[in-house]
Amino acid sequence: MMKGNILKLCLFCLISVIFYELRHFNVVTLTFEQRDGKSDRRADKHSTRNSEWIQAIILNTEKAEQREHRCPDVIGIGVQKCGTRAVHNFLQFHPYIRALKYESHFFDQNKIEGLDYYRQILPTAADHELVMEKTPAYFRTLPDNLPQIMHQLMPNLKIIIILCNPTRRALSGFVMAQTRNNKSENFDSYVKGVSLKNLSENANKVQPQHIYRGIYHANMGRWINEFPDSHFIINGEDFLVNPGLVIEELQDFLKIPKLLRREDFFRNETTGLFCVKKWWEKEMVSENWSEKSNVDSCLLHKGMTRSKVALPHFSMSNNTRQVLNAFYRPHNEILYKMLGRNFGW
């Protein structure tokens, strides 16, 4: 009898221990699952993105033989030194974008060559792809009716306009000219030698163009009037801070799948400028990829004035900055009213 009671007691204790352990196991398992839920969602999202890229690549492959030369579907028309190249370089990673690798300057320098010449220098494209080129000089190229000329030739054309703080743009334009001509003149001295009053009054007819080009409203009206529903304006200062968001919005504007996302962009710790992580090159073409392959593409062309490693002699004094800010302020206000948008410069 006593042995039976002891046996029952031992059995009860064993069951209690097992029950406790099971409860503890369930709690631990649940906690792990909760903690790992974000990882699962990230994995699902990456799998979805993989599928989207694969579908795009398959479609490109199937229609490759249908590609032919045609006029552009989208053109980056400027403004010079505001990020036209950067936007172009990032956007061209989209598999549906067929981008010209250099500035064509067709409408400002090479129009005499004829439209057939223009088509032939552009990349071939299938009907689901977009042909893109960028020539920042177009924004201020004469004649005044250039937008109408381009629209008549390309009725479905979309234009991208990148604007930026005109004071910083003036410095960047000056630095570009200095480096091209192997000069090292001082920007402060350059600004002191300019009659800003005469520049405002005479607009497009007077030098120096480094400062005039920041009077954006002088050329903006003709473009947005001719392309009221097919223009996209970017604040270049926003692009430098969050290029991924701008590229996402551009894909919506161009009505192409949003394959380039914010999470693909990261800041280079050395320069402070952004790069895009081309993860798809590693995962989609794995047989041709090696650990030595460079799958990051970083902005480099603004390094002289915009990056952490900007050269000290390519700068301006606070006084020069204040002078230019005061000069541009009324012109910026006209632009803001024209666009219904305040850039805060």
Protein backbone atom coordinates (compact mmCIF):
# COMPACT_ATOMS: atom_id res chain seq x y z
CA MET A 1 0.00 0.00 0.00
CA MET A 2 2.75 2.34 1.02
CA LYS A 3 4.79 1.41 -2.04
CA GLY A 4 1.78 2.11 -4.20
CA ASN A 5 1.37 5.58 -2.73
CA ILE A 6 5.07 6.33 -3.21
CA LEU A 7 4.85 5.19 -6.84
CA LYS A 8 1.84 7.42 -7.43
CA LEU A 9 3.66 10.35 -5.84
CA CYS A 10 6.74 9.81 -8.05
CA LEU A 11 4.58 9.55 -11.15
CA PHE A 12 2.78 12.79 -10.23
CA CYS A 13 6.11 14.58 -9.77
CA LEU A 14 7.39 13.30 -13.11
CA ILE A 15 4.25 14.48 -14.92
CA SER A 16 4.53 17.88 -13.22
CA VAL A 17 8.14 18.30 -14.32
CA ILE A 18 7.31 17.30 -17.91
CA PHE A 19 4.33 19.67 -17.97
CA TYR A 20 6.47 22.52 -16.66
CA GLU A 21 9.17 21.87 -19.22
CA LEU A 22 6.63 21.75 -22.04
CA ARG A 23 5.14 25.05 -20.93
CA HIS A 24 8.61 26.57 -20.73
CA PHE A 25 9.45 25.19 -24.16
CA ASN A 26 6.29 26.66 -25.67
CA VAL A 27 7.05 30.07 -24.20
CA VAL A 28 10.60 29.97 -25.51
CA THR A 29 9.41 28.76 -28.92
CA LEU A 30 6.78 31.49 -29.13
CA THR A 31 9.28 34.14 -28.13
CA PHE A 32 11.70 32.92 -30.78
CA GLU A 33 8.98 32.94 -33.43
CA GLN A 34 7.98 36.46 -32.50
CA ARG A 35 11.57 37.60 -32.62
CA ASP A 36 12.16 35.87 -35.93
CA GLY A 37 9.00 37.20 -37.56
CA LYS A 38 10.80 40.25 -38.95
CA SER A 39 13.46 38.02 -40.47
CA ASP A 40 10.78 35.95 -42.16
CA ARG A 41 9.11 39.06 -43.54
CA ARG A 42 12.44 40.34 -44.83
CA ALA A 43 13.10 37.00 -46.48
CA ASP A 44 9.64 37.02 -48.08
CA LYS A 45 10.17 40.57 -49.36
CA HIS A 46 13.57 39.68 -50.81
CA SER A 47 12.08 36.59 -52.45
CA THR A 48 9.37 38.76 -54.01
CA ARG A 49 11.95 41.22 -55.29
CA ASN A 50 13.98 38.35 -56.72
CA SER A 51 10.91 37.18 -58.63
CA GLU A 52 10.24 40.69 -59.95
CA TRP A 53 13.78 41.00 -61.26
CA ILE A 54 13.69 37.53 -62.80
CA GLN A 55 10.45 38.35 -64.62
CA ALA A 56 11.96 41.57 -65.96
CA ILE A 57 15.10 39.83 -67.17
CA ILE A 58 13.08 37.06 -68.83
CA LEU A 59 10.93 39.63 -70.64
CA ASN A 60 14.02 41.50 -71.82
CA THR A 61 15.50 38.27 -73.11
CA GLU A 62 12.31 37.25 -74.91
CA LYS A 63 11.99 40.63 -76.63
CA ALA A 64 15.68 41.33 -77.28
CA GLU A 65 15.32 40.65 -81.00
CA GLN A 66 12.50 43.21 -81.24
CA ARG A 67 14.72 46.08 -80.17
CA GLU A 68 15.16 48.91 -82.65
CA HIS A 69 16.38 52.48 -82.78
CA ARG A 70 13.93 55.26 -81.94
CA CYS A 71 13.81 58.73 -80.41
CA PRO A 72 13.95 59.03 -76.61
CA ASP A 73 11.00 58.36 -74.36
CA VAL A 74 12.56 60.38 -71.52
CA ILE A 75 15.21 63.10 -71.43
CA GLY A 76 17.00 64.68 -68.48
CA ILE A 77 17.21 68.30 -69.60
CA GLY A 78 19.14 69.78 -66.67
CA VAL A 79 19.95 71.84 -64.75
CA GLN A 80 23.70 71.54 -65.13
CA LYS A 81 25.56 70.68 -61.89
CA CYS A 82 22.37 69.79 -60.01
CA GLY A 83 22.57 66.00 -60.27
CA THR A 84 21.41 65.15 -63.79
CA ARG A 85 24.24 62.66 -64.20
CA ALA A 86 23.61 61.10 -60.79
CA VAL A 87 19.91 60.55 -61.47
CA HIS A 88 20.75 59.18 -64.91
CA ASN A 89 23.41 56.83 -63.53
CA PHE A 90 21.14 55.37 -60.86
CA LEU A 91 18.05 55.10 -63.06
CA GLN A 92 19.90 53.26 -65.82
CA PHE A 93 20.27 50.22 -63.55
CA HIS A 94 16.57 49.52 -64.13
CA PRO A 95 16.28 46.66 -66.64
CA TYR A 96 13.60 48.51 -68.64
CA ILE A 97 15.74 51.63 -69.10
CA ARG A 98 17.93 51.79 -72.21
CA ALA A 99 20.17 54.76 -71.54
CA LEU A 100 22.70 56.58 -73.70
CA LYS A 101 26.02 56.55 -71.87
CA TYR A 102 27.00 60.09 -72.84
CA GLU A 103 25.34 63.45 -73.50
CA SER A 104 24.07 63.59 -77.08
CA HIS A 105 23.85 67.42 -77.32
CA PHE A 106 21.65 66.82 -80.36
CA PHE A 107 19.32 69.81 -79.92
CA ASP A 108 22.03 72.31 -78.96
CA GLN A 109 25.00 71.21 -81.11
CA ASN A 110 24.23 68.34 -83.48
CA LYS A 111 20.74 69.03 -84.83
CA ILE A 112 22.20 69.65 -88.28
CA GLU A 113 23.06 65.93 -88.40
CA GLY A 114 19.37 65.09 -88.74
CA LEU A 115 16.85 62.98 -86.85
CA ASP A 116 18.10 59.68 -88.31
CA TYR A 117 21.52 60.41 -86.81
CA TYR A 118 19.87 61.05 -83.44
CA ARG A 119 17.99 57.75 -83.52
CA GLN A 120 21.06 55.79 -84.51
CA ILE A 121 23.25 57.02 -81.67
CA LEU A 122 20.61 56.05 -79.10
CA PRO A 123 20.32 52.52 -77.69
CA THR A 124 17.86 50.14 -79.31
CA ALA A 125 14.77 49.26 -77.28
CA ALA A 126 11.76 46.95 -77.33
CA ASP A 127 8.23 48.25 -76.86
CA HIS A 128 8.22 47.64 -73.08
CA GLU A 129 11.53 49.49 -72.59
CA LEU A 130 12.27 53.21 -72.39
CA VAL A 131 15.02 55.02 -74.29
CA MET A 132 16.65 57.67 -72.11
CA GLU A 133 19.25 60.34 -72.65
CA LYS A 134 20.35 63.39 -70.70
CA THR A 135 21.85 66.66 -71.84
CA PRO A 136 21.67 69.32 -69.09
CA ALA A 137 22.34 72.12 -71.58
CA TYR A 138 18.85 71.67 -73.06
CA PHE A 139 17.20 73.48 -70.14
CA ARG A 140 18.52 76.84 -71.34
CA THR A 141 19.20 76.08 -75.02
CA LEU A 142 17.79 78.48 -77.60
CA PRO A 143 15.55 79.01 -79.50
CA ASP A 144 12.84 79.81 -76.97
CA ASN A 145 10.49 77.39 -78.72
CA LEU A 146 12.85 74.42 -78.32
CA PRO A 147 10.30 72.62 -76.06
CA GLN A 148 7.70 72.85 -78.84
CA ILE A 149 10.20 71.55 -81.40
CA MET A 150 11.06 68.58 -79.22
CA HIS A 151 7.41 67.87 -78.39
CA GLN A 152 6.43 67.83 -82.07
CA LEU A 153 9.20 65.34 -82.83
CA MET A 154 8.46 63.22 -79.73
CA PRO A 155 4.76 63.56 -78.76
CA ASN A 156 5.04 61.07 -75.87
CA LEU A 157 8.27 62.49 -74.46
CA LYS A 158 8.70 62.86 -70.70
CA ILE A 159 11.26 65.26 -69.27
CA ILE A 160 13.16 65.21 -65.98
CA ILE A 161 14.33 68.51 -64.48
CA ILE A 162 16.72 68.57 -61.52
CA LEU A 163 17.07 71.87 -59.67
CA CYS A 164 19.32 72.66 -56.73
CA ASN A 165 20.38 75.48 -54.44
CA PRO A 166 21.59 78.07 -57.00
CA THR A 167 24.35 79.36 -54.71
CA ARG A 168 25.88 75.90 -54.43
CA ARG A 169 25.23 75.31 -58.14
CA ALA A 170 27.23 78.44 -59.02
CA LEU A 171 30.24 77.16 -57.08
CA SER A 172 29.97 73.72 -58.65
CA GLY A 173 29.78 75.18 -62.17
CA PHE A 174 32.78 77.39 -61.46
CA VAL A 175 34.81 74.45 -60.15
CA MET A 176 33.97 72.34 -63.21
CA ALA A 177 35.19 75.10 -65.52
CA GLN A 178 38.36 75.57 -63.47
CA THR A 179 39.29 71.89 -63.51
CA ARG A 180 38.57 71.54 -67.22
CA ASN A 181 40.86 74.46 -67.99
CA ASN A 182 43.53 73.51 -65.43
CA LYS A 183 42.98 76.71 -63.46
CA SER A 184 42.72 77.37 -59.75
CA GLU A 185 41.14 80.82 -59.48
CA ASN A 186 39.34 81.89 -56.32
CA PHE A 187 35.54 81.74 -56.35
CA ASP A 188 35.20 84.67 -53.94
CA SER A 189 37.23 86.89 -56.28
CA TYR A 190 35.20 85.68 -59.21
CA VAL A 191 31.90 86.69 -57.56
CA LYS A 192 33.29 90.10 -56.55
CA GLY A 193 34.08 90.77 -60.20
CA VAL A 194 30.49 90.20 -61.31
CA SER A 195 27.89 92.93 -61.61
CA LEU A 196 24.91 91.08 -60.18
CA LYS A 197 22.54 93.93 -60.97
CA ASN A 198 23.40 93.85 -64.66
CA LEU A 199 23.16 90.08 -64.61
CA SER A 200 19.55 90.23 -63.44
CA GLU A 201 18.61 92.88 -65.99
CA ASN A 202 20.25 91.29 -69.02
CA ALA A 203 19.60 87.65 -68.14
CA ASN A 204 20.60 85.25 -70.93
CA LYS A 205 22.72 87.75 -72.83
CA VAL A 206 25.41 88.36 -70.25
CA GLN A 207 28.31 86.49 -68.74
CA PRO A 208 29.23 84.93 -66.39
CA GLN A 209 26.88 82.03 -66.92
CA HIS A 210 27.90 80.25 -63.69
CA ILE A 211 25.70 82.66 -61.77
CA TYR A 212 22.99 83.29 -64.36
CA ARG A 213 22.20 79.59 -64.72
CA GLY A 214 20.78 79.66 -61.19
CA ILE A 215 17.96 82.00 -62.28
CA TYR A 216 15.77 79.00 -63.01
CA HIS A 217 12.49 80.79 -63.61
CA ALA A 218 13.93 82.44 -66.74
CA ASN A 219 13.74 79.09 -68.56
CA MET A 220 11.32 77.02 -66.50
CA GLY A 221 8.08 78.44 -67.86
CA ARG A 222 8.55 77.29 -71.45
CA TRP A 223 9.19 73.69 -70.38
CA ILE A 224 6.35 73.20 -67.92
CA ASN A 225 3.92 74.97 -70.26
CA GLU A 226 4.78 72.65 -73.15
CA PHE A 227 4.96 69.50 -70.99
CA PRO A 228 2.31 70.21 -68.31
CA ASP A 229 1.58 66.56 -67.49
CA SER A 230 4.82 64.92 -68.53
CA HIS A 231 7.53 66.67 -66.53
CA PHE A 232 9.09 65.59 -63.25
CA ILE A 233 10.95 68.13 -61.13
CA ILE A 234 13.50 67.00 -58.56
CA ASN A 235 14.98 69.05 -55.75
CA GLY A 236 18.64 68.11 -56.09
CA GLU A 237 19.24 68.81 -52.41
CA ASP A 238 16.64 66.16 -51.50
CA PHE A 239 18.22 63.76 -53.96
CA LEU A 240 21.59 64.05 -52.22
CA VAL A 241 19.94 63.16 -48.90
CA ASN A 242 17.57 60.39 -50.04
CA PRO A 243 18.20 59.30 -53.65
CA GLY A 244 16.31 56.03 -53.19
CA LEU A 245 13.04 57.84 -52.53
CA VAL A 246 13.49 60.01 -55.63
CA ILE A 247 14.29 56.99 -57.80
CA GLU A 248 11.16 55.22 -56.51
CA GLU A 249 9.05 58.26 -57.42
CA LEU A 250 10.68 58.43 -60.85
CA GLN A 251 9.75 54.84 -61.60
CA ASP A 252 6.13 55.69 -60.81
CA PHE A 253 6.34 58.74 -63.09
CA LEU A 254 7.77 56.63 -65.91
CA LYS A 255 5.17 53.88 -65.29
CA ILE A 256 7.73 51.10 -64.99
CA PRO A 257 7.91 48.41 -62.24
CA LYS A 258 9.47 49.71 -59.04
CA LEU A 259 12.52 47.45 -59.10
CA LEU A 260 14.94 49.97 -57.58
CA ARG A 261 14.06 50.59 -53.94
CA ARG A 262 15.23 52.81 -51.10
CA GLU A 263 16.89 49.89 -49.34
CA ASP A 264 19.23 49.44 -52.34
CA PHE A 265 20.97 52.73 -51.53
CA PHE A 266 23.58 53.39 -48.86
CA ARG A 267 25.96 56.22 -48.00
CA ASN A 268 29.68 55.88 -48.66
CA GLU A 269 31.38 56.54 -45.31
CA THR A 270 34.43 58.14 -46.92
CA THR A 271 32.78 60.59 -49.31
CA GLY A 272 29.36 60.93 -47.70
CA LEU A 273 27.79 60.41 -51.13
CA PHE A 274 25.38 57.62 -51.98
CA CYS A 275 25.93 54.28 -53.67
CA VAL A 276 23.54 51.68 -54.97
CA LYS A 277 24.01 48.04 -53.96
CA LYS A 278 23.48 46.04 -57.14
CA TRP A 279 22.54 42.83 -55.31
CA TRP A 280 20.77 41.50 -58.38
CA GLU A 281 24.07 41.19 -60.25
CA LYS A 282 25.28 38.74 -57.62
CA GLU A 283 22.06 36.75 -57.36
CA MET A 284 20.77 36.84 -60.94
CA VAL A 285 24.03 36.18 -62.76
CA SER A 286 25.75 34.09 -60.13
CA GLU A 287 27.70 31.98 -62.60
CA ASN A 288 29.53 35.10 -63.85
CA TRP A 289 29.93 36.76 -60.48
CA SER A 290 32.93 36.53 -58.21
CA GLU A 291 33.69 37.93 -54.77
CA LYS A 292 36.05 40.38 -56.47
CA SER A 293 33.25 41.81 -58.61
CA ASN A 294 32.25 45.38 -57.77
CA VAL A 295 28.49 45.37 -57.26
CA ASP A 296 28.38 48.83 -55.69
CA SER A 297 28.03 51.93 -57.84
CA CYS A 298 28.79 55.20 -56.07
CA LEU A 299 28.40 58.87 -56.91
CA LEU A 300 31.77 60.38 -57.71
CA HIS A 301 31.24 63.42 -59.88
CA LYS A 302 30.12 65.74 -57.08
CA GLY A 303 33.10 64.92 -54.92
CA MET A 304 34.95 68.19 -55.53
CA THR A 305 32.33 70.42 -53.87
CA ARG A 306 29.72 68.20 -52.23
CA SER A 307 31.51 65.35 -50.51
CA LYS A 308 33.38 64.96 -47.22
CA VAL A 309 36.63 64.97 -49.17
CA ALA A 310 35.87 68.17 -51.11
CA LEU A 311 39.02 70.11 -51.93
CA PRO A 312 39.42 73.16 -49.62
CA HIS A 313 40.22 75.63 -52.43
CA PHE A 314 36.91 74.72 -54.08
CA SER A 315 34.82 76.56 -51.52
CA MET A 316 33.36 80.00 -50.78
CA SER A 317 33.46 82.38 -47.83
CA ASN A 318 30.39 83.07 -45.70
CA ASN A 319 30.28 86.60 -47.11
CA THR A 320 30.15 85.31 -50.71
CA ARG A 321 27.48 82.83 -49.73
CA GLN A 322 25.37 85.61 -48.18
CA VAL A 323 25.80 87.83 -51.25
CA LEU A 324 24.66 85.07 -53.61
CA ASN A 325 21.81 83.97 -51.35
CA ALA A 326 20.54 87.56 -51.29
CA PHE A 327 20.87 87.81 -55.07
CA TYR A 328 19.00 84.58 -55.73
CA ARG A 329 16.27 85.07 -53.09
CA PRO A 330 13.80 87.07 -55.26
CA HIS A 331 14.44 84.79 -58.23
CA ASN A 332 13.76 81.74 -56.07
CA GLU A 333 10.49 83.30 -54.90
CA ILE A 334 9.39 83.72 -58.52
CA LEU A 335 10.26 80.07 -59.16
CA TYR A 336 8.36 78.87 -56.08
CA LYS A 337 5.26 80.78 -57.16
CA MET A 338 5.57 79.43 -60.70
CA LEU A 339 5.77 75.81 -59.50
CA GLY A 340 3.59 76.09 -56.40
CA ARG A 341 6.43 74.53 -54.48
CA ASN A 342 8.94 75.95 -52.01
CA PHE A 343 12.40 74.35 -52.08
CA GLY A 344 13.64 76.26 -49.05
CA TRP A 345 16.84 77.58 -50.60
